[in-house]
Amino acid sequence: MTNFRREKDLLGERDVPADALWGIYTERAIENFPLARRPVNPALIHAFGAVKLAASRTNHELGRWDEPTFAAIERAGTEMMAGSLDRHVVVDALQGGAGTSTNMNVNEVLANRALQLLGRPLGDYATLDPLDDLNLHQSTNDTYPTALRVAAIGLLRGLEREVVALLEEFQRQEKSFAHVVKVGRTQMQDAVLTTLGREMSAYAEAFARDRWRIYKCEERLRVVNLGGTAIGTGLGAPRQYIFRAVEQLRDITGLGLARAENLVEATQNADVFVEVSGILKACAVNLIKISGDLRLLSSGPEAGLGEIRLPPRQAGSSIMPGKVNPVIPEAATQAALVVCANDQAIAQACAMGSLELNPFLPLVADSLLDSLDLLTNACSMLRRFCVAGIEADEARCRAHVEGTTAVLTALVDEIGYAQAQEVAEAATTRNQTVRQIVIERRLMSAAEFDALISPERVTRLGRPADEGKHHK
């Protein structure tokens, strides 16, 4: 039979598991919020450890606690930063109260872990109290959004690294496929010639933009409201604490954090998270588009485009033998679609803040950090399991080039639009290739034709002004 300890709060008394590092406030939150059925994001827990450590160090500098007590608190905060206390932060990711349940879960865990280190029994709050000590000169309303910003910055940096790695992999494939001439398509129809390398370069450039946006948006998150306490006025906190706490947090995290000039505004408004989420949505949109292109280019393979081969990752069907599906781009697409949905939730939650506080930050935190995790994992997965192993089916690309009237676009400057149109009609009605008809009609030699559809020719930027027999 499980042993319990008895704890008391404003609403009465409750039993708490005797060996639990959390306390009565967390116990009530577990009962009150059976929603997502998952705990808060680990990155938020680690960031909370940093925030509490900064607050504790500042308070100790101002004369709070003897050295043994502070040493225990400091070690507990360091352990939370490192992730060793994750399993004790058990409140639901979605909760009422603007994140108070998370803040109190953290306070109770740190207090009880410090009590353990001091050799005191769990729940001995006369020695060290979750509110009077671990929440000293703080409020959920400044610690929670500050921790969210710190967590988001850390995950943004991880995402940036994965986006860079993905764009570099596409750049490598750009070089590998620079010689492969293929049909370019607009509106799903044959258009003009290009190279497979040029297609890969466009994907790399899209992710290069994402990388730059992600790098720059970290600046939006560096301004924090720590020290503002309840509504940004610093109620209950010494002025020295307000000035020093962010400096401590900056030293602990190594991040370029700054205290908001207007703490009231920074406590009220959450639009910065909408801005960051929008940048994540842009990255998700590129993932969806490019994953779709990879699926289309590899389609068939016999009865589709089949111009590239994706690495086979698993058997594709329980009923169709030999079928291998593009499961990695499909999975990346699903992750990106969730990011787009999260963006909508973040926008709505931030818009619904009222007066001096936004009570919906738990949804913002869950959605934003989830998006960061999903995008990071999706970029890594797509790079390692798909893009790095793409192969070109050069024979298929060549057959498409020779079999399409799109090749005529490359010949217009030499033979003129009217003759090109006649060749297109003849190729369609006589079931011959454009190359065969052009050579047969002596419009140009085989060597001249091949030169016009070379990789160098189809990818150059425009043409010299004096080139072409029929240009106007």
Protein backbone atom coordinates (compact mmCIF):
# COMPACT_ATOMS: atom_id res chain seq x y z
CA MET A 1 0.00 0.00 0.00
CA THR A 2 1.41 3.40 -0.98
CA ASN A 3 2.38 5.67 1.87
CA PHE A 4 1.27 9.29 1.87
CA ARG A 5 2.14 12.54 3.57
CA ARG A 6 -0.45 15.13 4.46
CA GLU A 7 -0.12 18.66 3.05
CA LYS A 8 -2.28 21.73 3.50
CA ASP A 9 -3.18 24.68 1.27
CA LEU A 10 -5.83 27.39 0.98
CA LEU A 11 -8.55 24.87 0.09
CA GLY A 12 -7.80 22.31 2.77
CA GLU A 13 -5.68 19.20 3.11
CA ARG A 14 -4.72 16.45 0.67
CA ASP A 15 -2.68 13.27 0.67
CA VAL A 16 0.48 13.37 -1.44
CA PRO A 17 2.55 10.24 -2.20
CA ALA A 18 5.18 10.10 0.52
CA ASP A 19 8.10 9.87 -1.91
CA ALA A 20 6.83 12.47 -4.41
CA LEU A 21 8.89 15.59 -4.94
CA TRP A 22 5.75 17.50 -5.86
CA GLY A 23 3.21 18.70 -3.33
CA ILE A 24 -0.43 19.54 -2.78
CA TYR A 25 -0.72 22.21 -5.47
CA THR A 26 0.55 19.78 -8.09
CA GLU A 27 -1.72 17.05 -6.73
CA ARG A 28 -4.75 19.27 -7.27
CA ALA A 29 -3.57 20.22 -10.77
CA ILE A 30 -3.21 16.56 -11.73
CA GLU A 31 -6.86 16.08 -10.77
CA ASN A 32 -8.13 19.32 -12.30
CA PHE A 33 -6.58 19.15 -15.77
CA PRO A 34 -6.94 15.71 -17.41
CA LEU A 35 -6.59 17.25 -20.89
CA ALA A 36 -3.57 16.56 -23.09
CA ARG A 37 -2.51 13.61 -20.93
CA ARG A 38 1.12 14.58 -21.37
CA PRO A 39 3.45 16.73 -19.25
CA VAL A 40 4.83 20.09 -20.26
CA ASN A 41 7.63 20.15 -22.83
CA PRO A 42 10.99 19.19 -21.26
CA ALA A 43 12.61 22.32 -22.72
CA LEU A 44 10.22 24.43 -20.64
CA ILE A 45 11.12 22.48 -17.49
CA HIS A 46 14.84 22.99 -18.11
CA ALA A 47 14.30 26.69 -18.77
CA PHE A 48 12.28 26.98 -15.56
CA GLY A 49 15.24 25.51 -13.74
CA ALA A 50 17.41 28.29 -15.12
CA VAL A 51 14.86 30.98 -14.17
CA LYS A 52 14.52 29.66 -10.61
CA LEU A 53 18.29 29.38 -10.29
CA ALA A 54 18.68 33.00 -11.39
CA ALA A 55 16.03 34.16 -8.93
CA SER A 56 17.58 32.14 -6.10
CA ARG A 57 21.07 33.44 -6.73
CA THR A 58 19.77 36.99 -6.78
CA ASN A 59 17.83 36.51 -3.57
CA HIS A 60 20.86 34.93 -1.91
CA GLU A 61 22.96 37.94 -2.88
CA LEU A 62 20.33 40.05 -1.14
CA GLY A 63 20.78 38.09 2.08
CA ARG A 64 18.28 35.24 1.88
CA TRP A 65 19.27 31.78 3.27
CA ASP A 66 22.39 30.49 4.93
CA GLU A 67 25.04 28.87 2.76
CA PRO A 68 23.97 25.21 3.24
CA THR A 69 20.36 26.04 2.36
CA PHE A 70 21.31 28.06 -0.67
CA ALA A 71 23.73 25.36 -1.83
CA ALA A 72 20.88 22.83 -1.77
CA ILE A 73 18.56 25.18 -3.68
CA GLU A 74 21.28 25.92 -6.22
CA ARG A 75 22.00 22.26 -6.79
CA ALA A 76 18.30 21.50 -7.23
CA GLY A 77 17.98 24.27 -9.83
CA THR A 78 21.06 22.99 -11.65
CA GLU A 79 19.62 19.47 -11.71
CA MET A 80 16.36 20.76 -13.17
CA MET A 81 18.26 22.63 -15.87
CA ALA A 82 20.12 19.41 -16.73
CA GLY A 83 16.90 17.40 -17.05
CA SER A 84 17.34 15.04 -14.12
CA LEU A 85 14.11 16.22 -12.46
CA ASP A 86 11.88 16.00 -15.56
CA ARG A 87 9.90 13.03 -14.30
CA HIS A 88 8.74 15.00 -11.27
CA VAL A 89 7.10 17.81 -13.27
CA VAL A 90 3.85 16.00 -13.89
CA VAL A 91 1.16 18.64 -14.47
CA ASP A 92 -0.70 18.51 -17.77
CA ALA A 93 0.63 20.53 -20.69
CA LEU A 94 -2.76 22.28 -20.96
CA GLN A 95 -4.03 23.93 -17.79
CA GLY A 96 -5.96 26.90 -16.52
CA GLY A 97 -4.31 29.61 -14.48
CA ALA A 98 -1.83 31.08 -16.97
CA GLY A 99 0.75 28.41 -16.07
CA THR A 100 0.50 28.65 -12.29
CA SER A 101 0.29 24.86 -12.02
CA THR A 102 3.57 24.51 -13.86
CA ASN A 103 5.23 27.19 -11.76
CA MET A 104 4.03 25.59 -8.54
CA ASN A 105 4.99 22.09 -9.65
CA VAL A 106 8.48 23.46 -10.28
CA ASN A 107 8.53 25.27 -6.94
CA GLU A 108 7.44 22.16 -5.03
CA VAL A 109 9.94 19.90 -6.79
CA LEU A 110 12.84 22.28 -6.18
CA ALA A 111 11.88 22.80 -2.56
CA ASN A 112 11.55 19.08 -1.85
CA ARG A 113 14.71 18.19 -3.76
CA ALA A 114 16.59 20.80 -1.74
CA LEU A 115 15.08 19.34 1.45
CA GLN A 116 16.39 15.92 0.40
CA LEU A 117 19.85 17.38 -0.08
CA LEU A 118 19.63 18.99 3.37
CA GLY A 119 18.67 15.66 4.93
CA ARG A 120 15.20 16.90 5.83
CA PRO A 121 11.91 15.03 5.22
CA LEU A 122 9.87 15.80 2.13
CA GLY A 123 7.15 18.32 2.83
CA ASP A 124 9.10 20.00 5.65
CA TYR A 125 8.06 23.42 4.43
CA ALA A 126 8.88 25.05 7.75
CA THR A 127 12.50 24.56 6.71
CA LEU A 128 12.09 25.43 3.03
CA ASP A 129 8.81 26.51 1.47
CA PRO A 130 7.80 26.32 -2.23
CA LEU A 131 6.17 29.76 -2.06
CA ASP A 132 8.10 31.71 0.56
CA ASP A 133 11.49 30.50 -0.68
CA LEU A 134 11.38 29.10 -4.23
CA ASN A 135 8.86 31.67 -5.46
CA LEU A 136 10.37 34.57 -3.52
CA HIS A 137 9.97 37.89 -5.40
CA GLN A 138 8.40 36.04 -8.32
CA SER A 139 5.07 35.36 -9.95
CA THR A 140 3.91 32.85 -12.51
CA ASN A 141 3.25 35.91 -14.66
CA ASP A 142 6.94 36.76 -15.04
CA THR A 143 8.65 33.39 -14.55
CA TYR A 144 6.46 31.42 -16.99
CA PRO A 145 6.81 33.70 -20.06
CA THR A 146 10.51 34.17 -19.29
CA ALA A 147 11.03 30.41 -19.16
CA LEU A 148 9.06 30.03 -22.39
CA ARG A 149 11.33 32.51 -24.15
CA VAL A 150 14.47 30.79 -22.88
CA ALA A 151 13.14 27.38 -23.94
CA ALA A 152 12.14 28.65 -27.37
CA ILE A 153 15.55 30.21 -28.00
CA GLY A 154 17.27 26.95 -27.19
CA LEU A 155 15.02 24.98 -29.52
CA LEU A 156 15.32 27.63 -32.24
CA ARG A 157 19.07 27.14 -32.25
CA GLY A 158 18.64 23.41 -32.65
CA LEU A 159 16.20 23.96 -35.50
CA GLU A 160 18.58 26.34 -37.22
CA ARG A 161 21.33 23.70 -37.17
CA GLU A 162 19.03 21.14 -38.78
CA VAL A 163 17.79 23.57 -41.43
CA VAL A 164 21.40 24.42 -42.33
CA ALA A 165 22.25 20.72 -42.60
CA LEU A 166 19.23 20.13 -44.84
CA LEU A 167 19.98 23.01 -47.19
CA GLU A 168 23.62 21.86 -47.42
CA GLU A 169 22.43 18.38 -48.39
CA PHE A 170 20.32 19.87 -51.16
CA GLN A 171 23.36 21.90 -52.27
CA ARG A 172 25.36 18.69 -52.47
CA GLN A 173 22.69 17.13 -54.63
CA GLU A 174 22.64 20.27 -56.75
CA LYS A 175 26.24 19.57 -57.70
CA SER A 176 25.63 15.85 -58.18
CA PHE A 177 22.73 16.43 -60.59
CA ALA A 178 24.02 19.51 -62.41
CA HIS A 179 24.51 17.51 -65.62
CA VAL A 180 21.05 15.89 -65.67
CA VAL A 181 18.81 17.74 -68.14
CA LYS A 182 15.10 17.23 -67.51
CA VAL A 183 11.71 18.67 -68.29
CA GLY A 184 10.62 21.58 -66.13
CA ARG A 185 6.92 21.76 -65.47
CA THR A 186 4.47 24.55 -64.68
CA GLN A 187 0.88 23.87 -63.62
CA MET A 188 1.71 20.14 -63.86
CA GLN A 189 2.34 20.49 -67.61
CA ASP A 190 5.59 20.20 -69.59
CA ALA A 191 7.10 23.67 -69.90
CA VAL A 192 10.81 24.18 -70.58
CA LEU A 193 14.04 22.32 -70.03
CA THR A 194 16.04 22.65 -66.85
CA THR A 195 18.37 20.42 -64.85
CA LEU A 196 17.73 18.30 -61.83
CA GLY A 197 20.56 20.17 -60.16
CA ARG A 198 18.77 23.46 -60.71
CA GLU A 199 15.66 22.06 -59.04
CA MET A 200 17.73 21.00 -56.05
CA SER A 201 19.28 24.45 -55.87
CA ALA A 202 15.83 26.00 -55.56
CA TYR A 203 15.05 23.76 -52.59
CA ALA A 204 18.34 24.71 -50.96
CA GLU A 205 17.62 28.41 -51.45
CA ALA A 206 14.17 28.10 -49.87
CA PHE A 207 15.66 26.54 -46.76
CA ALA A 208 18.42 29.16 -46.76
CA ARG A 209 15.70 31.79 -46.33
CA ASP A 210 14.20 29.74 -43.52
CA ARG A 211 17.57 29.57 -41.83
CA TRP A 212 17.97 33.35 -41.96
CA ARG A 213 14.45 33.97 -40.65
CA ILE A 214 14.97 31.52 -37.78
CA TYR A 215 18.32 33.09 -36.90
CA LYS A 216 16.87 36.60 -36.82
CA CYS A 217 13.70 35.79 -34.88
CA GLU A 218 15.72 34.82 -31.80
CA GLU A 219 16.11 38.55 -31.23
CA ARG A 220 12.37 38.82 -30.64
CA LEU A 221 12.57 36.43 -27.70
CA ARG A 222 15.52 37.92 -25.83
CA VAL A 223 13.45 40.60 -24.08
CA VAL A 224 11.98 39.11 -20.89
CA ASN A 225 9.72 40.37 -18.11
CA LEU A 226 11.47 38.65 -15.19
CA GLY A 227 11.22 40.93 -12.18
CA GLY A 228 7.83 42.29 -13.16
CA THR A 229 6.05 39.86 -10.80
CA ALA A 230 2.25 39.94 -11.06
CA ILE A 231 1.47 42.57 -13.72
CA GLY A 232 4.82 44.13 -14.53
CA THR A 233 5.00 46.65 -11.69
CA GLY A 234 7.45 44.57 -9.68
CA LEU A 235 5.01 44.31 -6.79
CA GLY A 236 6.68 42.75 -3.75
CA ALA A 237 10.17 42.60 -5.23
CA PRO A 238 13.12 44.76 -4.10
CA ARG A 239 14.42 47.09 -6.78
CA GLN A 240 17.86 45.45 -6.51
CA TYR A 241 16.27 42.10 -7.30
CA ILE A 242 14.49 43.47 -10.38
CA PHE A 243 17.75 44.91 -11.71
CA ARG A 244 19.88 41.83 -11.02
CA ALA A 245 17.67 38.83 -11.80
CA VAL A 246 17.90 39.08 -15.58
CA GLU A 247 21.67 39.56 -15.35
CA GLN A 248 21.89 36.31 -13.41
CA LEU A 249 19.71 34.54 -15.96
CA ARG A 250 21.88 35.86 -18.78
CA ASP A 251 25.00 34.50 -17.07
CA ILE A 252 23.38 31.13 -16.38
CA THR A 253 22.02 30.56 -19.88
CA GLY A 254 24.67 32.33 -21.96
CA LEU A 255 21.86 33.99 -23.89
CA GLY A 256 21.73 37.69 -24.74
CA LEU A 257 18.70 38.37 -22.59
CA ALA A 258 17.52 41.83 -21.61
CA ARG A 259 14.88 43.09 -19.19
CA ALA A 260 11.93 44.68 -20.95
CA GLU A 261 11.87 48.45 -20.66
CA ASN A 262 8.11 48.30 -20.19
CA LEU A 263 7.49 45.34 -17.91
CA VAL A 264 3.75 45.97 -17.83
CA GLU A 265 3.50 45.74 -21.61
CA ALA A 266 5.73 42.66 -21.71
CA THR A 267 3.46 40.96 -19.16
CA GLN A 268 0.25 41.83 -20.99
CA ASN A 269 1.09 41.03 -24.59
CA ALA A 270 2.18 37.79 -26.23
CA ASP A 271 2.34 38.84 -29.88
CA VAL A 272 6.05 37.98 -30.07
CA PHE A 273 5.09 34.31 -29.97
CA VAL A 274 2.75 34.85 -32.92
CA GLU A 275 5.61 36.40 -34.86
CA VAL A 276 7.96 33.50 -34.11
CA SER A 277 5.26 30.96 -34.90
CA GLY A 278 4.68 32.64 -38.26
CA ILE A 279 8.32 32.10 -39.13
CA LEU A 280 8.00 28.45 -38.16
CA LYS A 281 4.91 28.21 -40.35
CA ALA A 282 6.90 29.57 -43.31
CA CYS A 283 9.45 26.80 -42.79
CA ALA A 284 6.63 24.27 -42.55
CA VAL A 285 5.18 25.52 -45.83
CA ASN A 286 8.52 24.94 -47.56
CA LEU A 287 8.71 21.46 -46.08
CA ILE A 288 5.23 20.64 -47.39
CA LYS A 289 5.93 21.98 -50.88
CA ILE A 290 9.34 20.37 -51.27
CA SER A 291 8.23 17.06 -49.78
CA GLY A 292 5.39 17.07 -52.29
CA ASP A 293 7.84 17.69 -55.13
CA LEU A 294 10.03 14.79 -54.03
CA ARG A 295 7.01 12.52 -53.95
CA LEU A 296 5.92 13.65 -57.41
CA LEU A 297 9.37 13.43 -58.99
CA SER A 298 9.75 9.89 -57.66
CA SER A 299 6.21 8.85 -58.53
CA GLY A 300 5.52 5.58 -60.32
CA PRO A 301 8.20 4.65 -60.69
CA GLU A 302 7.23 2.90 -63.94
CA ALA A 303 3.89 4.63 -64.48
CA GLY A 304 4.76 8.04 -63.02
CA LEU A 305 7.47 10.63 -63.48
CA GLY A 306 10.14 8.46 -61.93
CA GLU A 307 12.91 11.02 -62.51
CA ILE A 308 14.44 10.45 -59.09
CA ARG A 309 14.65 7.45 -56.79
CA LEU A 310 14.17 7.98 -53.07
CA PRO A 311 15.91 5.66 -50.63
CA PRO A 312 13.61 2.70 -49.90
CA ARG A 313 12.84 2.78 -46.18
CA GLN A 314 10.18 0.10 -45.76
CA ALA A 315 7.80 -2.14 -47.65
CA GLY A 316 4.91 -0.03 -48.82
CA SER A 317 1.88 -2.24 -48.81
CA SER A 318 0.31 -5.18 -47.03
CA ILE A 319 -1.45 -6.24 -50.24
CA MET A 320 0.62 -4.93 -53.19
CA PRO A 321 3.93 -6.79 -53.50
CA GLY A 322 6.97 -4.76 -54.41
CA LYS A 323 5.41 -1.38 -53.60
CA VAL A 324 7.69 1.10 -51.82
CA ASN A 325 6.13 4.37 -50.71
CA PRO A 326 7.75 7.79 -50.14
CA VAL A 327 7.16 7.50 -46.41
CA ILE A 328 9.77 10.03 -45.30
CA PRO A 329 8.38 13.00 -47.28
CA GLU A 330 4.91 11.91 -46.20
CA ALA A 331 5.91 11.97 -42.54
CA ALA A 332 7.66 15.34 -42.92
CA THR A 333 4.50 16.73 -44.51
CA GLN A 334 2.37 15.60 -41.59
CA ALA A 335 4.74 17.21 -39.08
CA ALA A 336 4.62 20.45 -41.06
CA LEU A 337 0.83 20.39 -41.20
CA VAL A 338 0.73 20.16 -37.40
CA VAL A 339 3.02 23.20 -37.24
CA CYS A 340 0.54 25.13 -39.40
CA ALA A 341 -2.30 24.08 -37.10
CA ASN A 342 -0.25 25.07 -34.05
CA ASP A 343 0.26 28.49 -35.58
CA GLN A 344 -3.47 29.05 -35.69
CA ALA A 345 -3.84 27.99 -32.07
CA ILE A 346 -1.03 30.33 -31.00
CA ALA A 347 -2.55 33.28 -32.85
CA GLN A 348 -5.95 32.71 -31.26
CA ALA A 349 -4.53 32.20 -27.77
CA CYS A 350 -2.38 35.33 -27.94
CA ALA A 351 -5.29 37.37 -29.24
CA MET A 352 -7.43 36.30 -26.27
CA GLY A 353 -5.22 37.85 -23.62
CA SER A 354 -7.15 40.29 -21.46
CA LEU A 355 -6.06 43.42 -19.66
CA GLU A 356 -2.87 42.80 -17.65
CA LEU A 357 -2.29 39.11 -18.48
CA ASN A 358 -2.73 36.36 -21.04
CA PRO A 359 -4.20 33.31 -19.28
CA PHE A 360 -3.68 31.05 -22.27
CA LEU A 361 0.12 30.87 -22.28
CA PRO A 362 0.12 27.12 -21.52
CA LEU A 363 -1.46 26.52 -24.94
CA VAL A 364 1.03 28.93 -26.52
CA ALA A 365 3.94 27.15 -24.85
CA ASP A 366 2.72 23.68 -25.76
CA SER A 367 2.06 24.62 -29.38
CA LEU A 368 5.20 26.69 -29.95
CA LEU A 369 7.63 24.22 -28.39
CA ASP A 370 5.85 21.34 -30.13
CA SER A 371 6.29 23.12 -33.47
CA LEU A 372 9.98 23.64 -32.80
CA ASP A 373 10.47 19.98 -31.91
CA LEU A 374 8.48 18.78 -34.91
CA LEU A 375 10.31 20.97 -37.41
CA THR A 376 13.71 20.05 -36.01
CA ASN A 377 12.94 16.35 -36.18
CA ALA A 378 11.32 16.62 -39.61
CA CYS A 379 14.29 18.43 -41.14
CA SER A 380 16.71 15.91 -39.64
CA MET A 381 14.63 12.94 -40.81
CA LEU A 382 14.15 14.30 -44.32
CA ARG A 383 17.87 14.98 -44.70
CA ARG A 384 19.17 11.69 -43.31
CA PHE A 385 16.58 9.26 -44.61
CA CYS A 386 15.63 10.86 -47.91
CA VAL A 387 17.60 13.73 -49.44
CA ALA A 388 21.05 12.27 -48.73
CA GLY A 389 20.17 9.13 -50.68
CA ILE A 390 18.31 10.58 -53.68
CA GLU A 391 19.43 9.12 -57.00
CA ALA A 392 18.67 10.43 -60.46
CA ASP A 393 17.15 8.16 -63.10
CA GLU A 394 19.11 9.76 -65.92
CA ALA A 395 17.65 7.48 -68.58
CA ARG A 396 14.12 8.43 -67.57
CA CYS A 397 14.99 12.13 -67.55
CA ARG A 398 16.55 11.80 -71.00
CA ALA A 399 13.53 9.96 -72.36
CA HIS A 400 11.22 12.67 -71.06
CA VAL A 401 13.33 15.35 -72.70
CA GLU A 402 13.39 13.57 -76.05
CA GLY A 403 9.70 12.72 -75.91
CA THR A 404 8.24 16.11 -75.05
CA THR A 405 7.44 19.12 -77.19
CA ALA A 406 8.70 21.24 -74.29
CA VAL A 407 12.14 20.90 -75.82
CA LEU A 408 10.99 23.23 -78.59
CA THR A 409 11.23 26.22 -76.26
CA ALA A 410 14.99 25.82 -76.41
CA LEU A 411 14.86 25.92 -80.24
CA VAL A 412 12.62 28.93 -80.82
CA ASP A 413 15.49 31.40 -81.12
CA GLU A 414 17.06 29.23 -83.82
CA ILE A 415 14.11 28.09 -85.93
CA GLY A 416 11.43 30.63 -85.03
CA TYR A 417 8.09 30.22 -83.30
CA ALA A 418 6.12 29.28 -86.42
CA GLN A 419 8.43 26.46 -87.44
CA ALA A 420 8.65 25.30 -83.83
CA GLN A 421 4.86 25.07 -83.73
CA GLU A 422 4.83 23.03 -86.98
CA VAL A 423 7.40 20.66 -85.51
CA ALA A 424 5.27 20.28 -82.38
CA GLU A 425 2.21 19.38 -84.48
CA ALA A 426 4.21 16.91 -86.54
CA ALA A 427 5.70 15.26 -83.45
CA THR A 428 2.23 14.82 -82.01
CA THR A 429 0.56 13.46 -85.15
CA ARG A 430 3.47 11.34 -86.47
CA ASN A 431 4.53 9.91 -83.10
CA GLN A 432 8.11 11.04 -83.61
CA THR A 433 10.45 12.94 -81.33
CA VAL A 434 11.18 16.61 -81.84
CA ARG A 435 14.82 15.72 -82.39
CA GLN A 436 13.96 13.32 -85.23
CA ILE A 437 11.74 15.84 -87.02
CA VAL A 438 14.14 18.79 -86.66
CA ILE A 439 17.03 16.77 -88.09
CA GLU A 440 14.84 15.20 -90.78
CA ARG A 441 13.73 18.66 -91.97
CA ARG A 442 17.34 19.89 -91.86
CA LEU A 443 16.42 22.70 -89.54
CA MET A 444 19.64 21.97 -87.66
CA SER A 445 22.21 19.22 -87.28
CA ALA A 446 22.21 16.63 -84.54
CA ALA A 447 25.20 18.35 -82.93
CA GLU A 448 23.47 21.73 -83.03
CA PHE A 449 20.33 20.23 -81.50
CA ASP A 450 22.26 18.53 -78.69
CA ALA A 451 24.14 21.75 -77.96
CA LEU A 452 20.86 23.64 -77.52
CA ILE A 453 19.64 21.20 -74.87
CA SER A 454 22.92 20.82 -73.01
CA PRO A 455 22.99 21.48 -69.24
CA GLU A 456 24.97 24.67 -69.78
CA ARG A 457 22.53 26.00 -72.36
CA VAL A 458 19.27 25.26 -70.52
CA THR A 459 20.45 26.71 -67.22
CA ARG A 460 22.20 29.88 -68.34
CA LEU A 461 20.65 33.20 -67.45
CA GLY A 462 19.08 34.43 -70.69
CA ARG A 463 21.06 34.64 -73.95
CA PRO A 464 23.47 37.11 -75.48
CA ALA A 465 21.77 39.91 -77.39
CA ASP A 466 23.26 38.90 -80.76
CA GLU A 467 22.44 35.19 -80.50
CA GLY A 468 19.65 33.44 -82.36
CA LYS A 469 18.63 33.61 -85.99
CA HIS A 470 14.99 34.48 -85.48
CA HIS A 471 14.81 36.50 -82.29
CA LYS A 472 13.31 39.99 -82.52
